[in-house]
């Protein structure tokens, strides 16, 4: 090829390369738009992830609060159960009442004595909740401290002297008395007392006096707890 032909061919090739460079096959504006769209989607994704993270944090906090409340409720329930058991025990302990009459069967009298040997022993036990009364000694021993009510009755025949006193730990609290009635004599008395656990209550004849009883239970002794202390 002649030098002039080679020059013309080279000039054509340069024109082609120049055209390719000035008009590239890649659309730059379109690619920039795609990048911006991708950035926007990434931003939206990050915001969505942040919202989800916030929700998870709130749920975690709520779950923690629920667990704490559950622990408090368990503690409260346990305390209530303990209180119920305590109240149940206290309620059972507050059921104190007894009633007894002098003779277990038949009829007869007790006394008179120059020196009164011991408390009157009421052998016919009708009620003895709390097992405070001892029918072997005639003594009631308070199983719990509290305010109690006690009452006692005595009966005698004509022309006899009847006198009985109620004692707390050996100290007279109240009495009944009948001096040789024309027919039969009856008397009763009652009192409200504060007792400590272990305090003892009983009745005793006076010297040279006596009481009578039969299946009608004329002569009796009883009491009950009004409320514990």
Protein backbone atom coordinates (compact mmCIF):
# COMPACT_ATOMS: atom_id res chain seq x y z
CA UNK A 1 0.00 0.00 0.00
CA UNK A 2 1.27 3.43 -0.75
CA UNK A 3 2.13 5.89 2.00
CA UNK A 4 -0.89 7.97 1.09
CA UNK A 5 -3.24 4.93 1.47
CA UNK A 6 -1.80 4.03 4.85
CA UNK A 7 -2.31 7.63 6.01
CA UNK A 8 -5.90 7.63 4.91
CA UNK A 9 -6.55 4.28 6.67
CA UNK A 10 -4.96 5.55 9.91
CA UNK A 11 -7.02 8.70 9.76
CA UNK A 12 -10.23 6.67 9.46
CA UNK A 13 -9.30 4.51 12.46
CA UNK A 14 -8.64 7.58 14.61
CA UNK A 15 -12.02 8.98 13.70
CA UNK A 16 -13.71 5.74 14.77
CA UNK A 17 -11.90 5.66 18.14
CA UNK A 18 -12.68 9.31 18.71
CA UNK A 19 -16.36 8.70 18.07
CA UNK A 20 -16.41 5.74 20.50
CA UNK A 21 -14.77 7.84 23.21
CA UNK A 22 -17.08 10.81 22.78
CA UNK A 23 -20.22 8.63 22.62
CA UNK A 24 -19.67 5.77 25.12
CA UNK A 25 -21.98 2.77 25.07
CA UNK A 26 -22.63 3.14 28.92
CA UNK A 27 -25.37 5.62 29.92
CA UNK A 28 -23.71 7.47 32.81
CA UNK A 29 -26.86 9.32 33.89
CA UNK A 30 -28.82 6.07 34.03
CA UNK A 31 -26.15 4.44 36.16
CA UNK A 32 -26.05 7.41 38.53
CA UNK A 33 -29.83 7.16 38.88
CA UNK A 34 -29.49 3.47 39.67
CA UNK A 35 -26.84 4.20 42.33
CA UNK A 36 -29.06 6.86 43.90
CA UNK A 37 -32.00 4.45 43.88
CA UNK A 38 -29.85 1.81 45.55
CA UNK A 39 -28.70 4.31 48.16
CA UNK A 40 -32.33 5.24 48.85
CA UNK A 41 -33.29 1.59 49.26
CA UNK A 42 -30.34 1.03 51.60
CA UNK A 43 -31.40 4.06 53.61
CA UNK A 44 -34.98 2.75 53.82
CA UNK A 45 -33.67 -0.68 54.82
CA UNK A 46 -31.51 0.82 57.55
CA UNK A 47 -34.48 2.81 58.85
CA UNK A 48 -36.65 -0.32 58.83
CA UNK A 49 -33.94 -2.25 60.68
CA UNK A 50 -33.69 0.56 63.22
CA UNK A 51 -37.45 0.51 63.74
CA UNK A 52 -37.32 -3.27 64.23
CA UNK A 53 -34.44 -2.84 66.64
CA UNK A 54 -36.49 -0.30 68.60
CA UNK A 55 -39.45 -2.69 68.67
CA UNK A 56 -37.20 -5.53 69.90
CA UNK A 57 -35.79 -3.23 72.60
CA UNK A 58 -39.30 -2.26 73.71
CA UNK A 59 -40.42 -5.90 73.73
CA UNK A 60 -37.33 -6.87 75.72
CA UNK A 61 -38.05 -4.13 78.24
CA UNK A 62 -41.72 -5.16 78.44
CA UNK A 63 -40.74 -8.81 78.91
CA UNK A 64 -38.34 -7.82 81.66
CA UNK A 65 -41.09 -5.82 83.38
CA UNK A 66 -43.50 -8.75 83.07
CA UNK A 67 -40.90 -11.11 84.55
CA UNK A 68 -40.31 -8.70 87.43
CA UNK A 69 -44.05 -8.37 88.00
CA UNK A 70 -44.37 -12.15 87.89
CA UNK A 71 -41.64 -12.47 90.51
CA UNK A 72 -43.43 -9.89 92.68
CA UNK A 73 -46.74 -11.74 92.23
CA UNK A 74 -45.08 -15.03 93.21
CA UNK A 75 -43.65 -13.40 96.33
CA UNK A 76 -47.02 -11.84 97.14
CA UNK A 77 -48.80 -15.16 96.61
CA UNK A 78 -46.31 -16.92 98.87
CA UNK A 79 -46.82 -14.25 101.53
CA UNK A 80 -50.61 -14.57 101.24
CA UNK A 81 -50.36 -18.34 101.59
CA UNK A 82 -48.21 -17.95 104.70
CA UNK A 83 -50.68 -15.43 106.12
CA UNK A 84 -53.57 -17.79 105.37
CA UNK A 85 -51.79 -20.60 107.19
CA UNK A 86 -51.10 -18.27 110.12
CA UNK A 87 -54.73 -17.16 110.21
CA UNK A 88 -55.88 -20.76 109.93
CA UNK A 89 -53.66 -21.76 112.85
CA UNK A 90 -54.80 -18.72 114.84
CA UNK A 91 -58.43 -19.53 114.04
CA UNK A 92 -58.00 -23.10 115.18
CA UNK A 93 -56.29 -21.88 118.34
CA UNK A 94 -59.11 -19.44 119.03
CA UNK A 95 -61.70 -22.23 119.27
CA UNK A 96 -61.68 -22.53 123.05
CA UNK A 97 -64.84 -23.38 124.99
CA UNK A 98 -65.82 -25.79 127.70
CA UNK A 99 -68.85 -26.74 129.75
CA UNK A 100 -69.16 -29.35 132.49
CA UNK A 101 -71.45 -30.29 135.36
CA UNK A 102 -70.53 -31.72 138.74
CA UNK A 103 -71.60 -35.38 138.58
CA UNK A 104 -71.00 -37.78 135.71
CA UNK A 105 -74.15 -39.72 136.67
CA UNK A 106 -76.65 -40.16 139.49
CA UNK A 107 -77.24 -37.57 142.20
CA UNK A 108 -75.35 -36.41 145.26
CA UNK A 109 -73.56 -33.55 146.95
CA UNK A 110 -70.05 -32.29 147.54
CA UNK A 111 -69.03 -31.03 150.99
CA UNK A 112 -69.26 -29.76 153.58
CA UNK A 113 -65.56 -29.55 154.55
CA UNK A 114 -63.83 -27.92 157.50
CA UNK A 115 -60.80 -27.41 155.26
CA UNK A 116 -61.56 -27.38 151.55
CA UNK A 117 -59.12 -29.89 150.00
CA UNK A 118 -59.17 -28.99 146.31
CA UNK A 119 -61.17 -27.34 143.51
CA UNK A 120 -64.59 -28.70 142.63
CA UNK A 121 -64.17 -31.37 139.97
CA UNK A 122 -66.86 -31.25 137.30
CA UNK A 123 -66.89 -34.77 135.89
CA UNK A 124 -69.64 -34.59 133.24
CA UNK A 125 -67.91 -32.81 130.36
CA UNK A 126 -70.31 -31.55 127.69
CA UNK A 127 -67.90 -29.46 125.59
CA UNK A 128 -64.13 -29.04 125.69
CA UNK A 129 -62.87 -27.31 122.54
CA UNK A 130 -59.16 -26.64 122.81
CA UNK A 131 -58.82 -29.25 125.62
CA UNK A 132 -58.35 -26.53 128.20
CA UNK A 133 -60.47 -28.21 130.88
CA UNK A 134 -59.15 -31.17 132.86
CA UNK A 135 -61.94 -33.34 134.29
CA UNK A 136 -59.42 -35.04 136.62
CA UNK A 137 -58.56 -31.83 138.47
CA UNK A 138 -61.46 -29.48 137.76
CA UNK A 139 -58.98 -26.89 136.46
CA UNK A 140 -59.20 -24.99 133.18
CA UNK A 141 -55.80 -23.96 131.77
CA UNK A 142 -55.86 -21.28 129.08
CA UNK A 143 -54.36 -22.73 125.87
CA UNK A 144 -54.00 -19.23 124.40
CA UNK A 145 -53.89 -15.73 125.81
CA UNK A 146 -57.02 -13.65 125.36
CA UNK A 147 -60.23 -12.30 126.82
CA UNK A 148 -62.46 -15.05 128.28
CA UNK A 149 -65.93 -15.29 129.71
CA UNK A 150 -66.58 -17.69 132.61
CA UNK A 151 -69.80 -18.61 134.37
CA UNK A 152 -70.73 -21.10 137.12
CA UNK A 153 -73.92 -22.23 138.87
CA UNK A 154 -74.52 -23.95 142.19
CA UNK A 155 -77.51 -25.63 143.81
CA UNK A 156 -78.34 -26.61 147.39
CA UNK A 157 -81.24 -28.08 149.34
CA UNK A 158 -83.25 -26.50 152.08
CA UNK A 159 -81.56 -25.52 155.32
CA UNK A 160 -78.01 -25.96 153.92
CA UNK A 161 -75.26 -23.43 153.34
CA UNK A 162 -73.98 -23.10 149.76
CA UNK A 163 -71.02 -20.90 148.80
CA UNK A 164 -68.68 -21.25 145.80
CA UNK A 165 -65.96 -18.92 144.48
CA UNK A 166 -64.27 -18.68 141.10
CA UNK A 167 -60.46 -18.46 141.22
CA UNK A 168 -57.82 -17.26 138.77
CA UNK A 169 -54.41 -18.64 139.66
CA UNK A 170 -55.50 -19.00 143.28
CA UNK A 171 -57.12 -15.54 143.57
CA UNK A 172 -60.87 -15.14 144.08
CA UNK A 173 -62.63 -13.38 141.18
CA UNK A 174 -66.32 -13.71 142.09
CA UNK A 175 -68.64 -15.90 144.21
CA UNK A 176 -72.17 -17.24 144.75
CA UNK A 177 -73.84 -17.72 148.14
CA UNK A 178 -77.07 -19.08 149.61
CA UNK A 179 -77.72 -19.24 153.36
CA UNK A 180 -79.99 -22.12 154.38
CA UNK A 181 -82.92 -21.49 152.03
CA UNK A 182 -86.41 -22.54 153.00
CA UNK A 183 -86.70 -24.84 149.99
CA UNK A 184 -83.91 -25.14 147.41
CA UNK A 185 -81.26 -22.57 146.66
CA UNK A 186 -79.72 -21.69 143.29
CA UNK A 187 -77.14 -19.09 142.39
CA UNK A 188 -75.03 -18.19 139.38
CA UNK A 189 -72.34 -15.70 138.48
CA UNK A 190 -70.13 -14.81 135.53
CA UNK A 191 -67.16 -12.65 134.71
CA UNK A 192 -64.97 -11.54 131.78
CA UNK A 193 -61.23 -11.87 132.39
CA UNK A 194 -57.99 -11.36 130.51
CA UNK A 195 -55.84 -14.51 130.69
CA UNK A 196 -52.30 -15.25 129.64
CA UNK A 197 -51.49 -18.62 128.15
CA UNK A 198 -51.18 -21.08 131.05
CA UNK A 199 -53.38 -19.17 133.51
CA UNK A 200 -55.65 -21.46 135.51
CA UNK A 201 -59.32 -21.11 136.41
CA UNK A 202 -61.27 -23.24 138.90
CA UNK A 203 -64.02 -23.10 141.52
CA UNK A 204 -63.88 -24.05 145.21
CA UNK A 205 -66.36 -24.53 147.99
CA UNK A 206 -66.19 -22.33 151.05
CA UNK A 207 -65.63 -23.99 154.39
CA UNK A 208 -68.66 -25.72 155.85
CA UNK A 209 -70.70 -25.37 152.65
CA UNK A 210 -71.90 -27.82 150.02
CA UNK A 211 -73.45 -28.15 146.58
CA UNK A 212 -75.87 -30.65 145.07
CA UNK A 213 -76.17 -32.07 141.57
CA UNK A 214 -78.16 -34.69 139.66
CA UNK A 215 -78.79 -35.57 135.97
CA UNK A 216 -80.40 -32.12 135.53
CA UNK A 217 -76.89 -30.59 135.94
CA UNK A 218 -77.78 -27.91 138.47
CA UNK A 219 -74.17 -27.30 139.47
CA UNK A 220 -71.94 -26.50 136.51
CA UNK A 221 -68.88 -24.61 135.30
CA UNK A 222 -68.01 -23.31 131.84
CA UNK A 223 -66.32 -20.63 129.80
CA UNK A 224 -65.09 -19.66 126.37
CA UNK A 225 -62.62 -17.41 124.60
CA UNK A 226 -64.15 -14.15 123.39
CA UNK A 227 -61.10 -13.15 121.33
CA UNK A 228 -57.35 -13.87 121.47
CA UNK A 229 -54.69 -11.29 122.29
